[in-house]
Amino acid sequence: MKKLASVVFTGLVISGCSSVVTEQTAAIDQLTPCNKIQTLLGAYDTRFESLKTTKVTTKFMDSWSTNYHLVGQQCQITAFDHDNVIYRCQNSYKEQMAAVTASAF
């Protein structure tokens, strides 16, 4: 399965597309949670370059939307400087119970 994660990740890097094609989405969906985390950790060394799409620059940081979500939804990449880059996902909830239930997973 580790080889599959590498193939999917390499395919996304080579494609250079801002959107993920159906075959790539299907391959990503078949990865185990551990494979997704391993792929995410492997992308850290390149500052998540293969995951980045639209860039937004502010005085304090640069942010990119992601072309696919390995963990969670509504994920983005944020770089505060050359050494500090993060991949984060967040959700908003209208009710406390929905947030508590979602955080249990």
C-alpha atoms as a PDB file:
ATOM      1  CA  MET A   1       0.000   0.000   0.000  1.00  0.00           C
ATOM      2  CA  LYS A   2       2.946   2.320   0.627  1.00  0.00           C
ATOM      3  CA  LYS A   3       3.857   1.950  -3.036  1.00  0.00           C
ATOM      4  CA  LEU A   4       0.310   2.927  -4.042  1.00  0.00           C
ATOM      5  CA  ALA A   5       0.544   6.075  -1.918  1.00  0.00           C
ATOM      6  CA  SER A   6       3.829   6.965  -3.613  1.00  0.00           C
ATOM      7  CA  VAL A   7       2.359   6.380  -7.067  1.00  0.00           C
ATOM      8  CA  VAL A   8      -0.698   8.537  -6.319  1.00  0.00           C
ATOM      9  CA  PHE A   9       1.431  11.287  -4.840  1.00  0.00           C
ATOM     10  CA  THR A  10       3.871  11.200  -7.772  1.00  0.00           C
ATOM     11  CA  GLY A  11       0.978  11.294 -10.231  1.00  0.00           C
ATOM     12  CA  LEU A  12      -0.361  14.417  -8.606  1.00  0.00           C
ATOM     13  CA  VAL A  13       3.044  16.081  -8.698  1.00  0.00           C
ATOM     14  CA  ILE A  14       3.577  15.255 -12.363  1.00  0.00           C
ATOM     15  CA  SER A  15       0.081  16.273 -13.411  1.00  0.00           C
ATOM     16  CA  GLY A  16       0.504  19.811 -12.114  1.00  0.00           C
ATOM     17  CA  CYS A  17      -3.253  20.306 -12.331  1.00  0.00           C
ATOM     18  CA  SER A  18      -5.133  22.482  -9.915  1.00  0.00           C
ATOM     19  CA  SER A  19      -7.964  19.987  -9.744  1.00  0.00           C
ATOM     20  CA  VAL A  20      -7.836  16.283  -9.071  1.00  0.00           C
ATOM     21  CA  VAL A  21      -9.179  13.977 -11.771  1.00  0.00           C
ATOM     22  CA  THR A  22     -11.640  11.209 -10.978  1.00  0.00           C
ATOM     23  CA  GLU A  23      -9.003   8.441 -11.128  1.00  0.00           C
ATOM     24  CA  GLN A  24      -6.777  10.295  -8.676  1.00  0.00           C
ATOM     25  CA  THR A  25      -9.672  10.908  -6.309  1.00  0.00           C
ATOM     26  CA  ALA A  26     -10.577   7.215  -6.419  1.00  0.00           C
ATOM     27  CA  ALA A  27      -6.962   6.236  -5.688  1.00  0.00           C
ATOM     28  CA  ILE A  28      -6.779   8.671  -2.768  1.00  0.00           C
ATOM     29  CA  ASP A  29     -10.076   7.381  -1.376  1.00  0.00           C
ATOM     30  CA  GLN A  30      -8.663   3.830  -1.369  1.00  0.00           C
ATOM     31  CA  LEU A  31      -5.674   4.764   0.779  1.00  0.00           C
ATOM     32  CA  THR A  32      -5.799   3.792   4.428  1.00  0.00           C
ATOM     33  CA  PRO A  33      -5.650   6.544   7.036  1.00  0.00           C
ATOM     34  CA  CYS A  34      -2.052   5.495   7.802  1.00  0.00           C
ATOM     35  CA  ASN A  35      -1.086   5.790   4.125  1.00  0.00           C
ATOM     36  CA  LYS A  36      -2.656   9.236   3.947  1.00  0.00           C
ATOM     37  CA  ILE A  37      -0.672  10.374   6.996  1.00  0.00           C
ATOM     38  CA  GLN A  38       2.544   8.890   5.537  1.00  0.00           C
ATOM     39  CA  THR A  39       1.916  10.757   2.279  1.00  0.00           C
ATOM     40  CA  LEU A  40       1.266  13.965   4.186  1.00  0.00           C
ATOM     41  CA  LEU A  41       4.452  13.537   6.219  1.00  0.00           C
ATOM     42  CA  GLY A  42       6.410  12.890   3.024  1.00  0.00           C
ATOM     43  CA  ALA A  43       5.069  16.111   1.523  1.00  0.00           C
ATOM     44  CA  TYR A  44       6.329  18.146   4.486  1.00  0.00           C
ATOM     45  CA  ASP A  45       9.942  18.038   3.233  1.00  0.00           C
ATOM     46  CA  THR A  46       8.909  19.906   0.070  1.00  0.00           C
ATOM     47  CA  ARG A  47       6.701  22.368   1.980  1.00  0.00           C
ATOM     48  CA  PHE A  48       3.623  20.557   0.593  1.00  0.00           C
ATOM     49  CA  GLU A  49       4.330  21.901  -2.921  1.00  0.00           C
ATOM     50  CA  SER A  50       2.361  19.155  -4.671  1.00  0.00           C
ATOM     51  CA  LEU A  51      -0.729  19.876  -2.580  1.00  0.00           C
ATOM     52  CA  LYS A  52      -0.863  23.643  -3.134  1.00  0.00           C
ATOM     53  CA  THR A  53      -3.295  25.399  -5.464  1.00  0.00           C
ATOM     54  CA  THR A  54      -4.545  28.968  -5.054  1.00  0.00           C
ATOM     55  CA  LYS A  55      -2.211  31.253  -3.080  1.00  0.00           C
ATOM     56  CA  VAL A  56      -3.237  34.133  -0.816  1.00  0.00           C
ATOM     57  CA  THR A  57      -0.506  36.410   0.531  1.00  0.00           C
ATOM     58  CA  THR A  58      -0.821  38.670   3.557  1.00  0.00           C
ATOM     59  CA  LYS A  59       1.676  40.749   5.493  1.00  0.00           C
ATOM     60  CA  PHE A  60       2.218  37.919   7.976  1.00  0.00           C
ATOM     61  CA  MET A  61       1.866  34.692   5.980  1.00  0.00           C
ATOM     62  CA  ASP A  62       1.142  32.904   2.726  1.00  0.00           C
ATOM     63  CA  SER A  63      -1.762  30.458   2.481  1.00  0.00           C
ATOM     64  CA  TRP A  64      -2.768  27.990  -0.207  1.00  0.00           C
ATOM     65  CA  SER A  65      -5.874  25.954  -0.725  1.00  0.00           C
ATOM     66  CA  THR A  66      -5.201  22.266  -1.309  1.00  0.00           C
ATOM     67  CA  ASN A  67      -6.009  20.266  -4.419  1.00  0.00           C
ATOM     68  CA  TYR A  68      -7.116  17.300  -2.302  1.00  0.00           C
ATOM     69  CA  HIS A  69      -7.660  16.569   1.373  1.00  0.00           C
ATOM     70  CA  LEU A  70      -5.695  13.737   2.918  1.00  0.00           C
ATOM     71  CA  VAL A  71      -7.209  14.251   6.357  1.00  0.00           C
ATOM     72  CA  GLY A  72     -10.340  16.189   7.153  1.00  0.00           C
ATOM     73  CA  GLN A  73     -12.038  18.708   4.897  1.00  0.00           C
ATOM     74  CA  GLN A  74     -11.523  22.410   4.237  1.00  0.00           C
ATOM     75  CA  CYS A  75      -7.753  21.988   4.476  1.00  0.00           C
ATOM     76  CA  GLN A  76      -5.158  24.602   3.674  1.00  0.00           C
ATOM     77  CA  ILE A  77      -1.402  25.090   3.845  1.00  0.00           C
ATOM     78  CA  THR A  78       0.017  28.074   5.702  1.00  0.00           C
ATOM     79  CA  ALA A  79       3.617  29.312   5.683  1.00  0.00           C
ATOM     80  CA  PHE A  80       4.635  31.881   8.278  1.00  0.00           C
ATOM     81  CA  ASP A  81       8.234  31.941   7.058  1.00  0.00           C
ATOM     82  CA  HIS A  82      10.634  29.599   5.278  1.00  0.00           C
ATOM     83  CA  ASP A  83      10.923  27.238   8.264  1.00  0.00           C
ATOM     84  CA  ASN A  84       7.344  27.169   9.523  1.00  0.00           C
ATOM     85  CA  VAL A  85       4.740  25.613   7.254  1.00  0.00           C
ATOM     86  CA  ILE A  86       1.595  23.785   8.355  1.00  0.00           C
ATOM     87  CA  TYR A  87      -1.172  21.704   6.784  1.00  0.00           C
ATOM     88  CA  ARG A  88      -4.380  22.262   8.689  1.00  0.00           C
ATOM     89  CA  CYS A  89      -8.039  21.401   8.375  1.00  0.00           C
ATOM     90  CA  GLN A  90     -10.976  23.006  10.122  1.00  0.00           C
ATOM     91  CA  ASN A  91     -14.741  22.903  10.280  1.00  0.00           C
ATOM     92  CA  SER A  92     -17.347  25.256  11.698  1.00  0.00           C
ATOM     93  CA  TYR A  93     -20.331  24.021  13.662  1.00  0.00           C
ATOM     94  CA  LYS A  94     -23.532  25.812  14.635  1.00  0.00           C
ATOM     95  CA  GLU A  95     -24.115  23.658  17.709  1.00  0.00           C
ATOM     96  CA  GLN A  96     -21.772  22.434  20.426  1.00  0.00           C
ATOM     97  CA  MET A  97     -23.023  18.844  20.266  1.00  0.00           C
ATOM     98  CA  ALA A  98     -22.173  18.575  16.565  1.00  0.00           C
ATOM     99  CA  ALA A  99     -18.619  19.819  17.263  1.00  0.00           C
ATOM    100  CA  VAL A 100     -18.142  17.421  20.166  1.00  0.00           C
ATOM    101  CA  THR A 101     -19.455  14.494  18.124  1.00  0.00           C
ATOM    102  CA  ALA A 102     -17.176  15.337  15.178  1.00  0.00           C
ATOM    103  CA  SER A 103     -14.108  15.704  17.401  1.00  0.00           C
ATOM    104  CA  ALA A 104     -14.623  12.181  18.746  1.00  0.00           C
ATOM    105  CA  PHE A 105     -13.510  10.810  15.388  1.00  0.00           C
END
